[in-house]
N, C-alpha and C. Protein backbone atom coordinates (compact mmCIF):
# COMPACT_ATOMS: atom_id res chain seq x y z
N MET A 1 113.31 87.83 88.76
CA MET A 1 112.94 87.70 90.16
C MET A 1 112.41 86.29 90.47
N TRP A 2 111.80 85.64 89.49
CA TRP A 2 111.12 84.37 89.74
C TRP A 2 111.91 83.13 89.35
N TYR A 3 113.10 83.31 88.75
CA TYR A 3 113.83 82.14 88.26
C TYR A 3 114.15 81.14 89.36
N ASP A 4 114.54 81.60 90.54
CA ASP A 4 114.93 80.69 91.61
C ASP A 4 113.74 79.89 92.14
N VAL A 5 112.57 80.50 92.14
CA VAL A 5 111.36 79.78 92.53
C VAL A 5 110.99 78.78 91.44
N ALA A 6 111.04 79.22 90.19
CA ALA A 6 110.69 78.33 89.08
C ALA A 6 111.58 77.10 89.05
N ASP A 7 112.86 77.27 89.38
CA ASP A 7 113.79 76.15 89.37
C ASP A 7 113.43 75.10 90.43
N ARG A 8 112.66 75.50 91.42
CA ARG A 8 112.30 74.59 92.50
C ARG A 8 110.92 73.95 92.32
N LEU A 9 110.25 74.26 91.23
CA LEU A 9 108.94 73.69 90.95
C LEU A 9 109.07 72.62 89.87
N ASP A 10 108.26 71.58 89.98
CA ASP A 10 108.30 70.44 89.07
C ASP A 10 107.43 70.73 87.86
N THR A 11 108.07 70.94 86.71
CA THR A 11 107.31 71.25 85.50
C THR A 11 106.60 70.01 84.95
N GLY A 12 106.82 68.85 85.58
CA GLY A 12 106.03 67.68 85.24
C GLY A 12 104.66 67.72 85.89
N GLU A 13 104.53 68.55 86.93
CA GLU A 13 103.27 68.67 87.65
C GLU A 13 102.49 69.92 87.26
N CYS A 14 103.17 70.91 86.71
CA CYS A 14 102.50 72.16 86.35
C CYS A 14 103.25 72.84 85.21
N SER A 15 102.56 73.73 84.53
CA SER A 15 103.19 74.57 83.52
C SER A 15 103.43 75.95 84.12
N LEU A 16 104.58 76.52 83.85
CA LEU A 16 104.94 77.82 84.38
C LEU A 16 104.93 78.87 83.27
N HIS A 17 104.28 79.99 83.53
CA HIS A 17 104.23 81.10 82.57
C HIS A 17 104.76 82.33 83.30
N LEU A 18 105.91 82.84 82.89
CA LEU A 18 106.52 84.02 83.51
C LEU A 18 106.31 85.22 82.60
N LEU A 19 105.68 86.24 83.14
CA LEU A 19 105.27 87.40 82.35
C LEU A 19 106.21 88.58 82.56
N ASP A 20 106.70 89.13 81.45
CA ASP A 20 107.37 90.44 81.47
C ASP A 20 106.34 91.48 81.05
N PHE A 21 106.02 92.42 81.92
CA PHE A 21 105.11 93.49 81.53
C PHE A 21 105.79 94.39 80.50
N ARG A 22 105.00 95.17 79.81
CA ARG A 22 105.54 96.10 78.81
C ARG A 22 106.63 96.97 79.44
N GLY A 23 107.69 97.17 78.67
CA GLY A 23 108.80 97.97 79.17
C GLY A 23 109.80 97.20 79.99
N CYS A 24 109.54 95.90 80.21
CA CYS A 24 110.41 95.09 81.06
C CYS A 24 110.89 93.85 80.32
N GLY A 25 112.03 93.30 80.75
CA GLY A 25 112.51 92.03 80.24
C GLY A 25 112.57 92.01 78.73
N ARG A 26 111.92 91.00 78.12
CA ARG A 26 111.95 90.85 76.67
C ARG A 26 110.69 91.39 75.99
N SER A 27 109.84 92.05 76.75
CA SER A 27 108.61 92.59 76.17
C SER A 27 108.88 93.88 75.40
N ASP A 28 107.89 94.30 74.62
CA ASP A 28 108.00 95.55 73.86
C ASP A 28 108.14 96.75 74.78
N ARG A 29 108.61 97.85 74.21
CA ARG A 29 108.85 99.06 74.97
C ARG A 29 108.08 100.25 74.41
N PRO A 30 106.76 100.20 74.47
CA PRO A 30 105.99 101.35 74.00
C PRO A 30 106.20 102.55 74.91
N ARG A 31 106.08 103.73 74.35
CA ARG A 31 106.24 104.93 75.17
C ARG A 31 105.01 105.23 76.00
N GLU A 32 103.86 104.75 75.53
CA GLU A 32 102.61 105.02 76.23
C GLU A 32 102.13 103.76 76.96
N GLY A 33 101.13 103.96 77.81
CA GLY A 33 100.49 102.82 78.45
C GLY A 33 101.21 102.29 79.67
N HIS A 34 101.87 103.15 80.41
CA HIS A 34 102.55 102.71 81.62
C HIS A 34 101.75 103.18 82.85
N ASP A 35 100.67 102.45 83.08
CA ASP A 35 99.77 102.76 84.18
C ASP A 35 99.05 101.47 84.59
N LEU A 36 98.27 101.55 85.62
CA LEU A 36 97.62 100.36 86.17
C LEU A 36 96.76 99.65 85.13
N GLU A 37 95.91 100.36 84.45
CA GLU A 37 94.98 99.73 83.52
C GLU A 37 95.71 99.10 82.33
N SER A 38 96.74 99.74 81.84
CA SER A 38 97.48 99.19 80.70
C SER A 38 98.24 97.93 81.09
N TYR A 39 98.88 97.93 82.25
CA TYR A 39 99.56 96.72 82.71
C TYR A 39 98.54 95.62 83.00
N ALA A 40 97.38 96.00 83.50
CA ALA A 40 96.33 95.01 83.73
C ALA A 40 95.90 94.36 82.42
N SER A 41 95.89 95.13 81.34
CA SER A 41 95.53 94.57 80.04
C SER A 41 96.56 93.54 79.59
N ASP A 42 97.85 93.76 79.91
CA ASP A 42 98.87 92.76 79.61
C ASP A 42 98.58 91.47 80.36
N LEU A 43 98.22 91.60 81.62
CA LEU A 43 97.94 90.41 82.43
C LEU A 43 96.68 89.69 81.96
N ARG A 44 95.66 90.45 81.59
CA ARG A 44 94.43 89.82 81.07
C ARG A 44 94.74 88.97 79.84
N LEU A 45 95.54 89.52 78.92
CA LEU A 45 95.88 88.80 77.70
C LEU A 45 96.67 87.54 78.01
N ALA A 46 97.58 87.63 78.98
CA ALA A 46 98.37 86.46 79.35
C ALA A 46 97.47 85.37 79.94
N LEU A 47 96.54 85.75 80.79
CA LEU A 47 95.62 84.78 81.37
C LEU A 47 94.73 84.15 80.30
N ALA A 48 94.25 84.97 79.39
CA ALA A 48 93.35 84.47 78.36
C ALA A 48 94.05 83.49 77.41
N ALA A 49 95.37 83.59 77.32
CA ALA A 49 96.13 82.71 76.42
C ALA A 49 96.38 81.34 77.03
N ILE A 50 96.04 81.17 78.30
CA ILE A 50 96.28 79.89 78.99
C ILE A 50 94.97 79.12 79.05
N ASP A 51 94.92 78.00 78.37
CA ASP A 51 93.71 77.19 78.32
C ASP A 51 93.74 76.15 79.43
N ALA A 52 93.72 76.62 80.66
CA ALA A 52 93.79 75.74 81.83
C ALA A 52 93.51 76.57 83.08
N PRO A 53 93.15 75.93 84.19
CA PRO A 53 93.01 76.66 85.45
C PRO A 53 94.35 77.26 85.86
N VAL A 54 94.33 78.47 86.39
CA VAL A 54 95.56 79.21 86.70
C VAL A 54 95.64 79.57 88.18
N THR A 55 96.80 79.32 88.76
CA THR A 55 97.15 79.92 90.05
C THR A 55 98.04 81.12 89.72
N LEU A 56 97.54 82.30 89.97
CA LEU A 56 98.25 83.54 89.63
C LEU A 56 99.10 83.96 90.83
N VAL A 57 100.40 84.13 90.58
CA VAL A 57 101.34 84.50 91.63
C VAL A 57 101.98 85.83 91.27
N GLY A 58 101.86 86.82 92.14
CA GLY A 58 102.41 88.14 91.85
C GLY A 58 103.23 88.68 92.99
N HIS A 59 104.34 89.36 92.67
CA HIS A 59 105.22 89.95 93.67
C HIS A 59 105.26 91.46 93.51
N SER A 60 105.14 92.19 94.61
CA SER A 60 105.30 93.64 94.62
C SER A 60 104.33 94.31 93.65
N MET A 61 104.83 94.96 92.59
CA MET A 61 103.95 95.55 91.59
C MET A 61 103.02 94.50 91.00
N GLY A 62 103.57 93.32 90.70
CA GLY A 62 102.76 92.24 90.15
C GLY A 62 101.66 91.81 91.09
N GLY A 63 101.91 91.91 92.39
CA GLY A 63 100.89 91.56 93.37
C GLY A 63 99.74 92.55 93.37
N LYS A 64 100.04 93.81 93.17
CA LYS A 64 98.98 94.83 93.09
C LYS A 64 98.14 94.59 91.84
N LEU A 65 98.81 94.34 90.72
CA LEU A 65 98.09 94.10 89.47
C LEU A 65 97.27 92.82 89.54
N ALA A 66 97.79 91.80 90.22
CA ALA A 66 97.06 90.54 90.34
C ALA A 66 95.74 90.74 91.07
N GLN A 67 95.74 91.58 92.11
CA GLN A 67 94.50 91.86 92.83
C GLN A 67 93.50 92.58 91.94
N TYR A 68 94.01 93.54 91.16
CA TYR A 68 93.15 94.34 90.29
C TYR A 68 92.42 93.45 89.28
N VAL A 69 93.18 92.55 88.65
CA VAL A 69 92.59 91.68 87.63
C VAL A 69 91.75 90.58 88.26
N ALA A 70 92.17 90.06 89.39
CA ALA A 70 91.40 89.00 90.06
C ALA A 70 90.00 89.48 90.44
N ALA A 71 89.87 90.76 90.72
CA ALA A 71 88.56 91.31 91.08
C ALA A 71 87.58 91.27 89.91
N GLU A 72 88.12 91.09 88.70
CA GLU A 72 87.25 90.97 87.51
C GLU A 72 86.78 89.54 87.29
N GLN A 73 87.27 88.62 88.15
CA GLN A 73 86.87 87.22 88.13
C GLN A 73 87.11 86.55 86.76
N PRO A 74 88.36 86.52 86.30
CA PRO A 74 88.67 85.82 85.04
C PRO A 74 88.20 84.37 85.11
N ALA A 75 87.73 83.85 83.99
CA ALA A 75 87.10 82.54 83.98
C ALA A 75 88.03 81.42 84.43
N ASN A 76 89.32 81.51 84.09
CA ASN A 76 90.22 80.41 84.41
C ASN A 76 91.08 80.65 85.65
N LEU A 77 90.82 81.75 86.36
CA LEU A 77 91.58 82.02 87.58
C LEU A 77 91.06 81.15 88.72
N GLU A 78 91.95 80.35 89.29
CA GLU A 78 91.55 79.38 90.32
C GLU A 78 92.03 79.77 91.71
N ARG A 79 93.25 80.33 91.79
CA ARG A 79 93.81 80.73 93.08
C ARG A 79 94.73 81.93 92.87
N LEU A 80 95.00 82.63 93.98
CA LEU A 80 95.80 83.85 93.92
C LEU A 80 96.81 83.83 95.06
N ILE A 81 98.10 83.98 94.70
CA ILE A 81 99.16 84.05 95.71
C ILE A 81 99.86 85.39 95.56
N LEU A 82 99.88 86.17 96.61
CA LEU A 82 100.43 87.52 96.60
C LEU A 82 101.67 87.55 97.48
N VAL A 83 102.82 87.87 96.90
CA VAL A 83 104.10 87.83 97.60
C VAL A 83 104.61 89.26 97.80
N ALA A 84 104.67 89.69 99.06
CA ALA A 84 105.06 91.08 99.36
C ALA A 84 104.36 92.05 98.43
N PRO A 85 103.02 91.97 98.35
CA PRO A 85 102.31 92.73 97.32
C PRO A 85 102.12 94.20 97.65
N GLY A 86 102.04 95.00 96.60
CA GLY A 86 101.51 96.34 96.77
C GLY A 86 100.03 96.21 97.08
N SER A 87 99.48 97.16 97.79
CA SER A 87 98.08 97.05 98.17
C SER A 87 97.20 97.83 97.20
N ALA A 88 95.90 97.61 97.30
CA ALA A 88 94.94 98.30 96.43
C ALA A 88 94.82 99.78 96.80
N GLN A 89 95.34 100.15 97.95
CA GLN A 89 95.31 101.55 98.35
C GLN A 89 96.52 102.29 97.76
N PRO A 90 96.42 103.58 97.56
CA PRO A 90 97.53 104.32 96.93
C PRO A 90 98.77 104.38 97.81
N ALA A 91 99.94 104.23 97.17
CA ALA A 91 101.19 104.33 97.90
C ALA A 91 101.48 105.78 98.24
N ARG A 92 102.17 105.98 99.34
CA ARG A 92 102.58 107.33 99.72
C ARG A 92 103.75 107.76 98.86
N VAL A 93 103.73 109.00 98.41
CA VAL A 93 104.81 109.52 97.57
C VAL A 93 105.26 110.88 98.09
N SER A 94 106.47 111.24 97.72
CA SER A 94 106.99 112.57 98.06
C SER A 94 107.92 113.01 96.94
N ALA A 95 108.12 114.30 96.85
CA ALA A 95 108.98 114.84 95.80
C ALA A 95 110.41 114.30 95.94
N ARG A 96 110.90 114.18 97.16
CA ARG A 96 112.25 113.70 97.39
C ARG A 96 112.37 112.23 97.00
N HIS A 97 111.38 111.42 97.35
CA HIS A 97 111.42 110.00 97.01
C HIS A 97 111.38 109.82 95.49
N ARG A 98 110.58 110.61 94.81
CA ARG A 98 110.51 110.54 93.35
C ARG A 98 111.85 110.93 92.73
N GLU A 99 112.48 111.94 93.29
CA GLU A 99 113.78 112.37 92.80
C GLU A 99 114.81 111.25 92.94
N LEU A 100 114.80 110.55 94.06
CA LEU A 100 115.72 109.43 94.28
C LEU A 100 115.44 108.30 93.29
N THR A 101 114.17 108.08 92.99
CA THR A 101 113.79 107.06 92.01
C THR A 101 114.37 107.40 90.64
N LEU A 102 114.26 108.67 90.24
CA LEU A 102 114.80 109.11 88.96
C LEU A 102 116.32 108.99 88.93
N GLU A 103 116.95 109.31 90.04
CA GLU A 103 118.42 109.27 90.10
C GLU A 103 118.95 107.84 90.06
N THR A 104 118.12 106.88 90.43
CA THR A 104 118.55 105.48 90.45
C THR A 104 118.54 104.86 89.06
N TYR A 105 117.65 105.32 88.20
CA TYR A 105 117.47 104.70 86.88
C TYR A 105 118.78 104.67 86.08
N GLY A 106 119.12 103.47 85.60
CA GLY A 106 120.27 103.33 84.71
C GLY A 106 121.61 103.21 85.40
N TYR A 107 121.66 103.22 86.72
CA TYR A 107 122.92 103.16 87.44
C TYR A 107 123.02 101.85 88.23
N ARG A 108 123.97 100.99 87.84
CA ARG A 108 124.10 99.68 88.46
C ARG A 108 124.29 99.75 89.97
N GLU A 109 125.20 100.57 90.42
CA GLU A 109 125.49 100.62 91.86
C GLU A 109 124.29 101.11 92.66
N ARG A 110 123.58 102.09 92.12
CA ARG A 110 122.43 102.63 92.85
C ARG A 110 121.28 101.62 92.89
N ILE A 111 121.08 100.90 91.79
CA ILE A 111 120.02 99.88 91.77
C ILE A 111 120.35 98.78 92.76
N GLU A 112 121.61 98.33 92.76
CA GLU A 112 121.99 97.27 93.70
C GLU A 112 121.84 97.74 95.15
N ARG A 113 122.22 98.98 95.41
CA ARG A 113 122.08 99.52 96.77
C ARG A 113 120.62 99.54 97.19
N PHE A 114 119.74 99.94 96.26
CA PHE A 114 118.31 99.97 96.57
C PHE A 114 117.78 98.56 96.83
N GLN A 115 118.16 97.61 95.97
CA GLN A 115 117.68 96.24 96.14
C GLN A 115 118.13 95.66 97.48
N ARG A 116 119.37 95.88 97.83
CA ARG A 116 119.87 95.35 99.10
C ARG A 116 119.20 96.02 100.30
N SER A 117 118.87 97.29 100.17
CA SER A 117 118.21 97.99 101.28
C SER A 117 116.79 97.47 101.51
N ALA A 118 116.19 96.86 100.48
CA ALA A 118 114.84 96.33 100.60
C ALA A 118 114.83 94.91 101.14
N MET A 119 116.01 94.31 101.30
CA MET A 119 116.11 92.91 101.67
C MET A 119 116.65 92.73 103.09
N GLN A 120 116.34 91.59 103.67
CA GLN A 120 116.85 91.24 104.98
C GLN A 120 117.88 90.11 104.88
N ARG A 121 117.65 89.17 103.98
CA ARG A 121 118.55 88.02 103.82
C ARG A 121 119.54 88.28 102.69
N GLU A 122 120.73 87.69 102.82
CA GLU A 122 121.74 87.80 101.78
C GLU A 122 121.41 86.86 100.62
N VAL A 123 121.77 87.27 99.42
CA VAL A 123 121.63 86.41 98.25
C VAL A 123 122.98 86.34 97.55
N GLY A 124 123.17 85.33 96.72
CA GLY A 124 124.43 85.17 96.02
C GLY A 124 124.69 86.30 95.04
N GLU A 125 125.97 86.52 94.73
CA GLU A 125 126.34 87.60 93.83
C GLU A 125 125.74 87.41 92.45
N ALA A 126 125.66 86.15 91.98
CA ALA A 126 125.10 85.90 90.65
C ALA A 126 123.62 86.25 90.61
N VAL A 127 122.91 85.98 91.71
CA VAL A 127 121.49 86.31 91.78
C VAL A 127 121.30 87.82 91.76
N MET A 128 122.09 88.54 92.57
CA MET A 128 121.98 89.99 92.60
C MET A 128 122.33 90.61 91.26
N GLU A 129 123.35 90.07 90.60
CA GLU A 129 123.72 90.59 89.29
C GLU A 129 122.58 90.41 88.29
N ARG A 130 121.90 89.27 88.37
CA ARG A 130 120.77 89.01 87.47
C ARG A 130 119.64 90.01 87.71
N ILE A 131 119.36 90.30 88.97
CA ILE A 131 118.28 91.23 89.31
C ILE A 131 118.62 92.65 88.84
N VAL A 132 119.86 93.06 89.04
CA VAL A 132 120.27 94.39 88.62
C VAL A 132 120.27 94.50 87.09
N ASP A 133 120.76 93.45 86.42
CA ASP A 133 120.74 93.45 84.95
C ASP A 133 119.31 93.61 84.44
N ASP A 134 118.38 92.93 85.09
CA ASP A 134 116.97 93.01 84.69
C ASP A 134 116.44 94.44 84.84
N ALA A 135 116.82 95.09 85.94
CA ALA A 135 116.36 96.47 86.17
C ALA A 135 116.98 97.42 85.15
N LEU A 136 118.20 97.14 84.73
CA LEU A 136 118.89 98.02 83.80
C LEU A 136 118.26 98.01 82.41
N VAL A 137 117.60 96.92 82.03
CA VAL A 137 117.00 96.88 80.70
C VAL A 137 115.56 97.40 80.69
N ALA A 138 115.01 97.71 81.85
CA ALA A 138 113.66 98.29 81.90
C ALA A 138 113.66 99.67 81.25
N SER A 139 112.59 99.98 80.55
CA SER A 139 112.52 101.28 79.89
C SER A 139 112.27 102.38 80.91
N PHE A 140 112.70 103.60 80.57
CA PHE A 140 112.47 104.73 81.46
C PHE A 140 110.98 104.99 81.62
N GLU A 141 110.21 104.80 80.55
CA GLU A 141 108.76 105.04 80.61
C GLU A 141 108.11 104.11 81.63
N HIS A 142 108.60 102.88 81.70
CA HIS A 142 108.07 101.97 82.72
C HIS A 142 108.50 102.42 84.11
N TRP A 143 109.77 102.75 84.24
CA TRP A 143 110.36 103.08 85.53
C TRP A 143 109.59 104.19 86.23
N ILE A 144 109.36 105.28 85.51
CA ILE A 144 108.70 106.42 86.13
C ILE A 144 107.18 106.37 85.94
N GLY A 145 106.73 105.67 84.88
CA GLY A 145 105.29 105.58 84.64
C GLY A 145 104.58 104.85 85.75
N TRP A 146 105.15 103.71 86.19
CA TRP A 146 104.52 102.99 87.28
C TRP A 146 104.57 103.81 88.56
N TYR A 147 105.66 104.53 88.77
CA TYR A 147 105.79 105.34 89.97
C TYR A 147 104.71 106.42 90.01
N ASP A 148 104.51 107.09 88.88
CA ASP A 148 103.60 108.23 88.85
C ASP A 148 102.13 107.83 88.70
N ARG A 149 101.86 106.72 87.99
CA ARG A 149 100.47 106.41 87.64
C ARG A 149 99.99 105.03 88.09
N GLY A 150 100.91 104.20 88.56
CA GLY A 150 100.52 102.86 89.00
C GLY A 150 100.46 102.71 90.51
N ARG A 151 101.54 103.08 91.17
CA ARG A 151 101.63 102.93 92.63
C ARG A 151 100.55 103.72 93.35
N VAL A 152 100.16 104.84 92.77
CA VAL A 152 99.22 105.73 93.45
C VAL A 152 97.76 105.37 93.17
N SER A 153 97.53 104.35 92.35
CA SER A 153 96.16 103.97 92.02
C SER A 153 95.45 103.39 93.24
N ASP A 154 94.16 103.68 93.34
CA ASP A 154 93.34 103.20 94.46
C ASP A 154 92.16 102.42 93.91
N PHE A 155 92.12 101.12 94.20
CA PHE A 155 90.98 100.31 93.79
C PHE A 155 90.53 99.41 94.94
N SER A 156 90.67 99.92 96.15
CA SER A 156 90.31 99.14 97.33
C SER A 156 88.85 98.71 97.32
N ASP A 157 88.01 99.46 96.61
CA ASP A 157 86.59 99.11 96.55
C ASP A 157 86.35 97.85 95.72
N ARG A 158 87.33 97.39 94.97
CA ARG A 158 87.17 96.21 94.11
C ARG A 158 87.49 94.90 94.83
N LEU A 159 88.20 94.97 95.96
CA LEU A 159 88.72 93.75 96.56
C LEU A 159 87.63 92.77 96.98
N ALA A 160 86.46 93.29 97.34
CA ALA A 160 85.38 92.41 97.78
C ALA A 160 84.88 91.52 96.64
N ARG A 161 85.25 91.84 95.41
CA ARG A 161 84.81 91.03 94.27
C ARG A 161 85.70 89.82 94.02
N ILE A 162 86.85 89.75 94.67
CA ILE A 162 87.75 88.61 94.47
C ILE A 162 87.08 87.37 95.05
N ALA A 163 86.89 86.36 94.21
CA ALA A 163 86.08 85.21 94.60
C ALA A 163 86.87 83.90 94.60
N VAL A 164 88.20 83.97 94.59
CA VAL A 164 89.03 82.76 94.62
C VAL A 164 89.84 82.75 95.91
N PRO A 165 90.33 81.58 96.33
CA PRO A 165 91.19 81.52 97.52
C PRO A 165 92.43 82.39 97.34
N VAL A 166 92.79 83.11 98.38
CA VAL A 166 93.92 84.05 98.32
C VAL A 166 94.89 83.79 99.46
N LEU A 167 96.18 83.70 99.13
CA LEU A 167 97.24 83.60 100.12
C LEU A 167 98.17 84.79 99.93
N ALA A 168 98.42 85.54 101.01
CA ALA A 168 99.38 86.65 100.98
C ALA A 168 100.57 86.29 101.86
N ILE A 169 101.77 86.50 101.34
CA ILE A 169 103.00 86.19 102.06
C ILE A 169 103.80 87.48 102.22
N ALA A 170 104.22 87.76 103.44
CA ALA A 170 104.96 89.00 103.72
C ALA A 170 106.22 88.68 104.49
N GLY A 171 107.25 89.51 104.30
CA GLY A 171 108.47 89.39 105.09
C GLY A 171 108.35 90.23 106.35
N SER A 172 108.86 89.69 107.44
CA SER A 172 108.72 90.38 108.73
C SER A 172 109.48 91.70 108.77
N ASN A 173 110.49 91.86 107.89
CA ASN A 173 111.30 93.08 107.89
C ASN A 173 111.27 93.78 106.53
N ASP A 174 110.12 93.74 105.89
CA ASP A 174 109.96 94.36 104.58
C ASP A 174 109.72 95.86 104.74
N PRO A 175 110.63 96.72 104.23
CA PRO A 175 110.44 98.16 104.37
C PRO A 175 109.50 98.75 103.32
N LEU A 176 109.19 98.00 102.25
CA LEU A 176 108.37 98.52 101.16
C LEU A 176 106.92 98.08 101.27
N ALA A 177 106.70 96.83 101.67
CA ALA A 177 105.35 96.32 101.88
C ALA A 177 105.32 95.65 103.26
N PRO A 178 105.31 96.47 104.32
CA PRO A 178 105.37 95.93 105.68
C PRO A 178 104.31 94.87 105.93
N ALA A 179 104.67 93.85 106.70
CA ALA A 179 103.76 92.75 106.97
C ALA A 179 102.44 93.23 107.56
N SER A 180 102.50 94.23 108.44
CA SER A 180 101.28 94.74 109.07
C SER A 180 100.35 95.36 108.03
N ARG A 181 100.93 96.03 107.03
CA ARG A 181 100.11 96.64 105.98
C ARG A 181 99.52 95.58 105.07
N VAL A 182 100.31 94.56 104.71
CA VAL A 182 99.80 93.48 103.88
C VAL A 182 98.62 92.79 104.57
N LYS A 183 98.77 92.55 105.85
CA LYS A 183 97.70 91.88 106.59
C LYS A 183 96.46 92.76 106.67
N ARG A 184 96.66 94.07 106.91
CA ARG A 184 95.53 94.99 107.10
C ARG A 184 94.86 95.35 105.77
N GLU A 185 95.65 95.66 104.74
CA GLU A 185 95.09 96.21 103.51
C GLU A 185 94.85 95.16 102.43
N VAL A 186 95.37 93.95 102.63
CA VAL A 186 95.18 92.90 101.63
C VAL A 186 94.34 91.77 102.18
N THR A 187 94.91 90.97 103.08
CA THR A 187 94.17 89.77 103.52
C THR A 187 92.91 90.13 104.32
N SER A 188 92.97 91.17 105.11
CA SER A 188 91.78 91.53 105.89
C SER A 188 90.69 92.12 105.01
N ALA A 189 91.08 92.60 103.83
CA ALA A 189 90.10 93.22 102.92
C ALA A 189 89.51 92.23 101.93
N ILE A 190 90.06 91.00 101.90
CA ILE A 190 89.58 89.97 100.98
C ILE A 190 88.97 88.84 101.79
N GLU A 191 87.74 88.54 101.55
CA GLU A 191 87.04 87.53 102.34
C GLU A 191 87.76 86.19 102.24
N GLY A 192 88.09 85.62 103.39
CA GLY A 192 88.74 84.32 103.43
C GLY A 192 90.22 84.35 103.13
N GLY A 193 90.81 85.54 103.00
CA GLY A 193 92.23 85.64 102.67
C GLY A 193 93.11 85.07 103.77
N LEU A 194 94.16 84.36 103.38
CA LEU A 194 95.11 83.78 104.32
C LEU A 194 96.39 84.60 104.32
N PHE A 195 97.04 84.67 105.49
CA PHE A 195 98.24 85.49 105.64
C PHE A 195 99.36 84.66 106.26
N VAL A 196 100.55 84.75 105.66
CA VAL A 196 101.74 84.08 106.18
C VAL A 196 102.86 85.10 106.26
N GLN A 197 103.57 85.10 107.38
CA GLN A 197 104.71 86.00 107.54
C GLN A 197 105.98 85.18 107.66
N LEU A 198 107.00 85.54 106.87
CA LEU A 198 108.29 84.87 106.93
C LEU A 198 109.23 85.66 107.82
N ARG A 199 109.81 84.98 108.79
CA ARG A 199 110.72 85.66 109.72
C ARG A 199 112.03 86.06 109.04
N ASP A 200 112.57 87.16 109.52
CA ASP A 200 113.88 87.63 109.07
C ASP A 200 113.97 87.68 107.54
N ALA A 201 112.94 88.21 106.93
CA ALA A 201 112.91 88.33 105.47
C ALA A 201 112.43 89.73 105.09
N GLY A 202 112.87 90.19 103.92
CA GLY A 202 112.51 91.52 103.47
C GLY A 202 111.52 91.50 102.32
N HIS A 203 111.77 92.33 101.32
CA HIS A 203 110.79 92.52 100.25
C HIS A 203 110.95 91.55 99.09
N ASN A 204 112.18 91.22 98.75
CA ASN A 204 112.42 90.39 97.57
C ASN A 204 112.35 88.90 97.90
N LEU A 205 111.21 88.47 98.37
CA LEU A 205 111.06 87.10 98.86
C LEU A 205 111.36 86.03 97.81
N PRO A 206 111.05 86.23 96.51
CA PRO A 206 111.37 85.17 95.55
C PRO A 206 112.87 84.85 95.45
N ILE A 207 113.74 85.80 95.80
CA ILE A 207 115.17 85.49 95.80
C ILE A 207 115.72 85.35 97.21
N GLU A 208 115.08 85.95 98.20
CA GLU A 208 115.52 85.79 99.58
C GLU A 208 115.10 84.44 100.16
N ALA A 209 113.93 83.97 99.78
CA ALA A 209 113.37 82.74 100.36
C ALA A 209 112.72 81.88 99.28
N PRO A 210 113.48 81.49 98.25
CA PRO A 210 112.86 80.74 97.14
C PRO A 210 112.30 79.39 97.56
N ASP A 211 112.94 78.73 98.51
CA ASP A 211 112.42 77.45 98.98
C ASP A 211 111.05 77.62 99.63
N ASP A 212 110.92 78.64 100.47
CA ASP A 212 109.65 78.90 101.16
C ASP A 212 108.55 79.26 100.17
N ILE A 213 108.88 80.11 99.20
CA ILE A 213 107.87 80.54 98.22
C ILE A 213 107.46 79.38 97.33
N ALA A 214 108.43 78.58 96.89
CA ALA A 214 108.10 77.43 96.04
C ALA A 214 107.22 76.44 96.80
N GLU A 215 107.52 76.21 98.05
CA GLU A 215 106.70 75.29 98.85
C GLU A 215 105.31 75.84 99.05
N ALA A 216 105.19 77.14 99.26
CA ALA A 216 103.87 77.76 99.40
C ALA A 216 103.06 77.61 98.11
N VAL A 217 103.71 77.80 96.97
CA VAL A 217 103.02 77.63 95.69
C VAL A 217 102.56 76.20 95.52
N ARG A 218 103.45 75.24 95.82
CA ARG A 218 103.08 73.82 95.69
C ARG A 218 101.88 73.47 96.56
N ARG A 219 101.93 73.89 97.81
CA ARG A 219 100.86 73.53 98.75
C ARG A 219 99.54 74.22 98.41
N PHE A 220 99.62 75.52 98.14
CA PHE A 220 98.37 76.28 97.93
C PHE A 220 97.75 75.95 96.59
N ALA A 221 98.57 75.73 95.57
CA ALA A 221 98.05 75.45 94.24
C ALA A 221 97.42 74.06 94.16
N SER A 222 97.81 73.18 95.07
CA SER A 222 97.25 71.82 95.02
C SER A 222 96.04 71.67 95.93
C-alpha cells in the first residue's frame, strides 16, 4: 500500500521503515495474537528499534493502531500522520458483513472488487495487482482475527494522552472511514489535531493520491 508514497520521498532526507504486521507481507504467521494489543506490540518493537525521532504514518488498520500506541507516548515518537484511519471507537459489525469478509478471503476477483469499491480514483492495473497479491498472502488468522478482535476494540478514553502533533487525512468519498467520522472521532478527540480532506478520493489514499500523501508527509514531518 505504501510503495507509491515511498517512491516519492527522498531517502537522502529521511529513513523509511515499512512494517508488515504479523500475518501480513513477509512477517511471521503465528496462529495466535491477532488482536489490537498483539499488533500494538509489533508496532512498539518496530518503534523501539529505531534510534531516531519518528514520524509515524498509519493507514486504515495501521491508523487505528498508531493512535493506540501513540497514547502510550513512546520516547522517540515525534509526529503522527493518520491516513483514512480507523477510529478508537469500535467499528460497527453485522453477521452478513462478517460472512462477506470470510467469502472474500483467498479470492482474487472478490478482493479486487472490494478494493475498487472502497476507492474513488482509478489506479493502474499494476498497482491494483500488487495490492491484491498482498492481500492474498495474508494469513486467515490475520484476516478474521482483526475483524473479530481488532476493529471492535474501543480505546477512545486513551486519545487525550496523545501528546505529539497529529495530522489526519481523509478522502471525501471514503465509504470505510468517512471524512465526517475521521474529523469527529479522531481529530476532534485529540487536542490540537489537524484535519485535511482530499476531494474525490476514497479509502486507499496511499495509492489513489500518492503525490498528495507524500507531500503531506514531507511538510508535516519537517
